[in-house]
Amino acid sequence: MTVRILQYGATGQVARELLRQAPGHDVQLKALSRAEADLADPEAAARHVRVEKPDLVILAAAYTAVDQAESEPGLAHEINGEAPAAIAKACAEVGAALVHFSTDYVFDGRKGAPYREDDAAGPLSVYGASKLSGERMALAACARTTILRTSWVVSAHGKNFVKTMLRLAREGQPLRVVDDQFGRPTAAADLAGFVLAQAARLAAAPAGAPAFGVFHFANAGETTWRGFAQGALEIALGGAAPRVDPIATAERPSPAERPLRGTLDTGKLEAVFDVSPRPWREPLAEILAELTNEAPVA
């Protein structure tokens, strides 16, 4: 059975990968742009679910300006909290399942070990708090909701950390990158591929099924932002990769506080869905090959 998917978001990294990979799956995907469904107007956005009556809704749009959210808390909570709640309520009304993406920023990073789904949340920023609010309200409004927390998303599309590092390296600029924040990079392509591969299961599963609830998805392997940068430059430039000097988070203050170790444990996802996210260097090589039109580096 072809799964009818309504997707919020068309230009973000994961949204674009969902659109790109959808033709390879037995799905019929309709993506809504911000102009068509502005999450700053939650009730208007949710009306699309009631009109389309899809089998599955994927919420791949959000307020993602982490630092700017500190000065726009109302807007961040409207988009990241109230909109998922309204969309989830509409999903429950029409019998659709919901996939909603969240973040490692719901944690304070002080645990000292990777975070499991049942660990206590403690966001340090408005952005993290708004995403946590969206998680909780979506789960409360629709029992057939799957929350996918992820971290350090990267792709060949749009603006992201890896593309910034490559640009600075090619410009010959000195590279100084934070080396005391730990996490797991995530390829947007791998996250999108996982969701599409599970679309039929999610669309058919009843409330209470193991596939619903909170899960963590990130590529395997913990690193720092400096380690991530160095890995990307080594894959892209080989022996010509420039040095990346380490700095502490305190040396680069920002309006929003980040968790120092928001590393996500993906054990629950692996057990429930029988998948094992691959090491982050593998999809990173594919992303860099796409950016440079070369074959992936082994």
Protein backbone atom coordinates (compact mmCIF):
# COMPACT_ATOMS: atom_id res chain seq x y z
CA MET A 1 0.00 0.00 0.00
CA THR A 2 1.33 3.41 -0.97
CA VAL A 3 1.70 5.60 2.11
CA ARG A 4 0.30 9.10 1.68
CA ILE A 5 2.64 11.52 3.46
CA LEU A 6 2.06 15.17 4.26
CA GLN A 7 5.36 16.89 5.02
CA TYR A 8 5.81 20.26 6.67
CA GLY A 9 8.99 21.87 5.35
CA ALA A 10 10.57 21.83 1.90
CA THR A 11 13.94 23.58 2.16
CA GLY A 12 15.62 22.33 5.34
CA GLN A 13 18.34 19.70 5.22
CA VAL A 14 16.16 16.76 6.27
CA ALA A 15 13.15 18.04 4.32
CA ARG A 16 15.16 18.17 1.11
CA GLU A 17 16.52 14.68 1.65
CA LEU A 18 13.01 13.34 2.24
CA LEU A 19 11.91 14.87 -1.05
CA ARG A 20 14.96 13.55 -2.86
CA GLN A 21 14.61 9.99 -1.58
CA ALA A 22 10.82 9.66 -1.66
CA PRO A 23 10.70 8.37 -5.29
CA GLY A 24 12.66 5.30 -4.15
CA HIS A 25 9.94 4.30 -1.68
CA ASP A 26 6.30 3.33 -1.94
CA VAL A 27 5.09 6.71 -0.77
CA GLN A 28 3.19 9.66 -2.15
CA LEU A 29 4.73 12.73 -0.52
CA LYS A 30 3.33 16.24 -0.56
CA ALA A 31 5.60 18.89 0.98
CA LEU A 32 4.31 22.21 2.27
CA SER A 33 6.54 25.27 2.13
CA ARG A 34 6.51 28.00 4.77
CA ALA A 35 4.40 30.14 2.41
CA GLU A 36 1.80 27.36 2.29
CA ALA A 37 1.90 26.42 5.98
CA ASP A 38 3.50 28.92 8.34
CA LEU A 39 4.07 27.27 11.71
CA ALA A 40 3.87 30.70 13.34
CA ASP A 41 0.11 30.25 12.80
CA PRO A 42 -0.38 26.79 14.33
CA GLU A 43 -4.10 26.42 13.73
CA ALA A 44 -3.86 27.45 10.10
CA ALA A 45 -0.94 25.05 9.59
CA ALA A 46 -2.87 22.19 11.20
CA ARG A 47 -5.82 22.65 8.83
CA HIS A 48 -3.79 21.05 6.05
CA VAL A 49 -3.87 17.75 7.95
CA ARG A 50 -7.66 17.87 8.20
CA VAL A 51 -7.97 18.66 4.48
CA GLU A 52 -5.42 16.15 3.16
CA LYS A 53 -6.17 13.32 5.64
CA PRO A 54 -2.77 11.65 5.07
CA ASP A 55 -1.57 8.33 6.45
CA LEU A 56 1.56 9.91 7.91
CA VAL A 57 2.63 13.47 8.73
CA ILE A 58 6.31 14.41 8.88
CA LEU A 59 7.08 17.64 10.68
CA ALA A 60 10.39 18.63 9.09
CA ALA A 61 10.12 22.37 9.70
CA ALA A 62 11.05 24.25 12.85
CA TYR A 63 12.49 27.41 14.36
CA THR A 64 16.21 26.53 14.33
CA ALA A 65 17.96 29.86 15.00
CA VAL A 66 19.39 28.76 18.35
CA ASP A 67 20.94 32.08 19.38
CA GLN A 68 18.20 34.27 17.93
CA ALA A 69 15.62 32.34 19.94
CA GLU A 70 17.00 33.93 23.11
CA SER A 71 15.55 37.25 21.93
CA GLU A 72 12.44 35.74 20.29
CA PRO A 73 11.17 33.25 22.89
CA GLY A 74 7.52 33.75 22.00
CA LEU A 75 8.05 32.99 18.33
CA ALA A 76 10.30 30.01 19.08
CA HIS A 77 7.70 28.47 21.38
CA GLU A 78 4.89 29.16 18.91
CA ILE A 79 6.69 27.39 16.07
CA ASN A 80 8.44 24.63 18.03
CA GLY A 81 5.83 24.05 20.72
CA GLU A 82 2.33 25.17 19.80
CA ALA A 83 2.53 24.20 16.11
CA PRO A 84 3.54 20.56 16.74
CA ALA A 85 0.75 20.35 19.32
CA ALA A 86 -1.86 21.65 16.88
CA ILE A 87 -0.63 19.39 14.08
CA ALA A 88 -0.55 16.38 16.40
CA LYS A 89 -4.14 17.07 17.48
CA ALA A 90 -5.21 17.18 13.84
CA CYS A 91 -3.36 13.89 13.21
CA ALA A 92 -5.30 12.24 16.02
CA GLU A 93 -8.56 13.52 14.55
CA VAL A 94 -7.95 12.08 11.05
CA GLY A 95 -6.11 8.93 12.13
CA ALA A 96 -2.67 9.89 10.84
CA ALA A 97 0.63 8.96 12.47
CA LEU A 98 3.14 11.74 13.15
CA VAL A 99 6.94 11.92 12.93
CA HIS A 100 8.39 14.96 14.66
CA PHE A 101 12.09 15.85 14.79
CA SER A 102 13.70 17.13 17.98
CA THR A 103 17.18 17.80 19.30
CA ASP A 104 19.93 16.91 21.75
CA TYR A 105 19.53 20.46 23.08
CA VAL A 106 16.70 19.22 25.31
CA PHE A 107 19.52 17.99 27.62
CA ASP A 108 21.94 20.04 29.73
CA GLY A 109 24.97 17.92 28.78
CA ARG A 110 26.05 17.31 32.38
CA LYS A 111 25.25 13.60 32.65
CA GLY A 112 28.79 12.51 31.81
CA ALA A 113 27.57 9.77 29.46
CA PRO A 114 25.37 9.48 26.35
CA TYR A 115 21.72 10.29 26.93
CA ARG A 116 18.95 7.72 26.78
CA GLU A 117 15.39 8.63 25.92
CA ASP A 118 14.23 8.26 29.52
CA ASP A 119 16.94 10.51 31.00
CA ALA A 120 15.70 13.73 32.57
CA ALA A 121 15.63 16.67 30.20
CA GLY A 122 17.10 20.01 31.21
CA PRO A 123 17.40 22.45 28.30
CA LEU A 124 19.84 25.31 28.70
CA SER A 125 18.38 27.53 25.98
CA VAL A 126 15.08 28.89 24.74
CA TYR A 127 15.49 26.78 21.62
CA GLY A 128 15.96 23.58 23.65
CA ALA A 129 13.03 24.44 25.90
CA SER A 130 10.78 25.14 22.91
CA LYS A 131 11.66 21.80 21.31
CA LEU A 132 11.04 19.94 24.56
CA SER A 133 7.66 21.63 24.85
CA GLY A 134 6.82 20.54 21.32
CA GLU A 135 7.78 16.96 22.10
CA ARG A 136 5.59 16.76 25.15
CA MET A 137 2.56 18.45 23.66
CA ALA A 138 2.72 16.39 20.45
CA LEU A 139 2.91 13.13 22.41
CA ALA A 140 -0.01 14.22 24.59
CA ALA A 141 -2.14 15.22 21.60
CA CYS A 142 -1.53 12.16 19.41
CA ALA A 143 -0.76 8.69 20.73
CA ARG A 144 0.65 7.67 17.34
CA THR A 145 3.58 10.10 17.49
CA THR A 146 7.23 9.23 16.95
CA ILE A 147 9.72 11.82 18.22
CA LEU A 148 13.18 11.55 16.64
CA ARG A 149 15.80 13.51 18.56
CA THR A 150 18.89 14.09 16.48
CA SER A 151 22.11 16.12 16.58
CA TRP A 152 24.67 17.96 14.45
CA VAL A 153 22.78 17.50 11.17
CA VAL A 154 24.79 17.85 7.97
CA SER A 155 24.16 17.47 4.24
CA ALA A 156 25.21 18.89 0.90
CA HIS A 157 22.26 21.31 1.08
CA GLY A 158 21.85 24.73 2.63
CA LYS A 159 24.07 26.18 5.32
CA ASN A 160 25.80 23.88 7.77
CA PHE A 161 28.97 23.41 9.79
CA VAL A 162 30.87 21.27 7.29
CA LYS A 163 30.27 23.65 4.38
CA THR A 164 31.44 26.54 6.54
CA MET A 165 34.65 24.71 7.45
CA LEU A 166 35.37 23.93 3.79
CA ARG A 167 34.82 27.55 2.79
CA LEU A 168 37.11 28.89 5.50
CA ALA A 169 39.81 26.35 4.61
CA ARG A 170 39.70 27.27 0.94
CA GLU A 171 39.93 30.95 1.86
CA GLY A 172 43.05 30.17 3.87
CA GLN A 173 41.51 31.45 7.09
CA PRO A 174 42.83 30.18 10.44
CA LEU A 175 40.55 27.51 11.86
CA ARG A 176 39.78 27.53 15.58
CA VAL A 177 36.95 25.22 16.59
CA VAL A 178 35.37 24.31 19.91
CA ASP A 179 36.87 21.10 21.29
CA ASP A 180 34.93 20.66 24.55
CA GLN A 181 31.44 20.08 23.14
CA PHE A 182 30.76 16.40 22.36
CA GLY A 183 28.08 14.84 20.22
CA ARG A 184 27.23 12.55 17.32
CA PRO A 185 27.01 14.01 13.79
CA THR A 186 23.97 13.02 11.74
CA ALA A 187 23.67 12.85 7.97
CA ALA A 188 20.33 14.28 6.87
CA ALA A 189 20.26 11.60 4.16
CA ASP A 190 20.50 8.78 6.71
CA LEU A 191 17.80 10.28 8.93
CA ALA A 192 15.46 10.82 5.97
CA GLY A 193 16.15 7.34 4.65
CA PHE A 194 15.27 5.83 8.01
CA VAL A 195 11.94 7.67 8.19
CA LEU A 196 10.93 6.69 4.67
CA ALA A 197 11.92 3.07 5.26
CA GLN A 198 9.64 3.02 8.33
CA ALA A 199 6.75 4.92 6.74
CA ALA A 200 4.56 1.89 6.08
CA ARG A 201 5.13 0.50 9.57
CA LEU A 202 4.31 3.81 11.23
CA ALA A 203 1.23 4.41 9.09
CA ALA A 204 -0.19 0.99 9.96
CA ALA A 205 0.82 0.68 13.63
CA PRO A 206 -1.87 1.12 16.28
CA ALA A 207 -1.55 3.41 19.28
CA GLY A 208 0.65 1.82 21.90
CA ALA A 209 2.91 0.10 19.35
CA PRO A 210 6.66 0.11 20.14
CA ALA A 211 7.34 2.32 17.11
CA PHE A 212 5.72 5.32 18.81
CA GLY A 213 7.33 7.42 21.51
CA VAL A 214 10.72 9.12 21.80
CA PHE A 215 13.79 7.81 19.99
CA HIS A 216 17.33 9.02 19.34
CA PHE A 217 18.81 8.93 15.83
CA ALA A 218 22.41 9.94 15.13
CA ASN A 219 25.27 8.42 13.20
CA ALA A 220 27.62 6.27 15.24
CA GLY A 221 30.70 7.68 16.94
CA GLU A 222 31.17 10.48 19.44
CA THR A 223 33.37 13.43 18.54
CA THR A 224 33.85 17.14 19.21
CA TRP A 225 33.14 19.98 16.83
CA ARG A 226 36.88 20.21 16.24
CA GLY A 227 37.06 16.48 15.56
CA PHE A 228 34.13 16.79 13.17
CA ALA A 229 35.83 19.66 11.34
CA GLN A 230 39.17 17.86 11.16
CA GLY A 231 37.49 14.71 9.85
CA ALA A 232 35.67 16.63 7.13
CA LEU A 233 38.80 18.46 6.00
CA GLU A 234 40.89 15.29 5.95
CA ILE A 235 38.31 13.51 3.79
CA ALA A 236 37.92 16.48 1.45
CA LEU A 237 41.51 17.71 1.22
CA GLY A 238 43.67 14.77 2.27
CA GLY A 239 47.25 15.79 3.00
CA ALA A 240 46.41 19.40 2.20
CA ALA A 241 43.97 19.63 5.09
CA PRO A 242 44.84 22.64 7.27
CA ARG A 243 45.36 22.49 10.99
CA VAL A 244 42.31 22.99 13.18
CA ASP A 245 43.24 24.54 16.51
CA PRO A 246 41.16 23.67 19.59
CA ILE A 247 39.38 26.28 21.65
CA ALA A 248 37.06 26.10 24.64
CA THR A 249 33.40 27.01 24.53
CA ALA A 250 34.17 29.84 26.96
CA GLU A 251 36.43 31.43 24.33
CA ARG A 252 33.51 31.77 21.92
CA PRO A 253 30.54 33.00 23.96
CA SER A 254 27.09 33.00 22.37
CA PRO A 255 23.63 34.16 23.47
CA ALA A 256 22.40 30.56 23.88
CA GLU A 257 24.18 28.07 26.10
CA ARG A 258 24.93 24.69 24.49
CA PRO A 259 25.21 21.31 26.23
CA LEU A 260 28.86 20.29 26.54
CA ARG A 261 28.04 16.63 26.05
CA GLY A 262 24.62 16.12 24.50
CA THR A 263 25.66 12.80 22.94
CA LEU A 264 22.62 10.65 22.12
CA ASP A 265 22.38 6.93 22.87
CA THR A 266 20.63 5.17 19.97
CA GLY A 267 20.18 1.78 21.66
CA LYS A 268 16.39 2.00 21.87
CA LEU A 269 16.04 2.86 18.18
CA GLU A 270 18.36 0.00 17.24
CA ALA A 271 16.35 -2.48 19.31
CA VAL A 272 12.86 -1.39 18.22
CA PHE A 273 13.54 -0.81 14.52
CA ASP A 274 16.42 -3.29 14.03
CA VAL A 275 18.71 -0.67 12.50
CA SER A 276 22.26 0.41 13.27
CA PRO A 277 23.21 3.94 12.23
CA ARG A 278 26.53 3.82 10.42
CA PRO A 279 29.67 5.67 11.56
CA TRP A 280 29.47 9.38 10.79
CA ARG A 281 32.55 9.41 8.56
CA GLU A 282 30.82 7.19 5.98
CA PRO A 283 27.95 9.51 5.06
CA LEU A 284 30.27 12.49 5.51
CA ALA A 285 32.45 11.14 2.69
CA GLU A 286 29.35 10.89 0.49
CA ILE A 287 28.32 14.44 1.32
CA LEU A 288 31.78 15.78 0.52
CA ALA A 289 31.84 13.81 -2.73
CA GLU A 290 28.54 15.40 -3.67
CA LEU A 291 29.92 18.83 -2.90
CA THR A 292 33.05 18.23 -4.97
CA ASN A 293 31.54 15.94 -7.68
CA GLU A 294 34.05 13.23 -6.90
CA ALA A 295 33.74 9.59 -5.96
CA PRO A 296 33.43 8.95 -2.22
CA VAL A 297 36.71 8.58 -0.40
CA ALA A 298 37.06 5.22 1.34
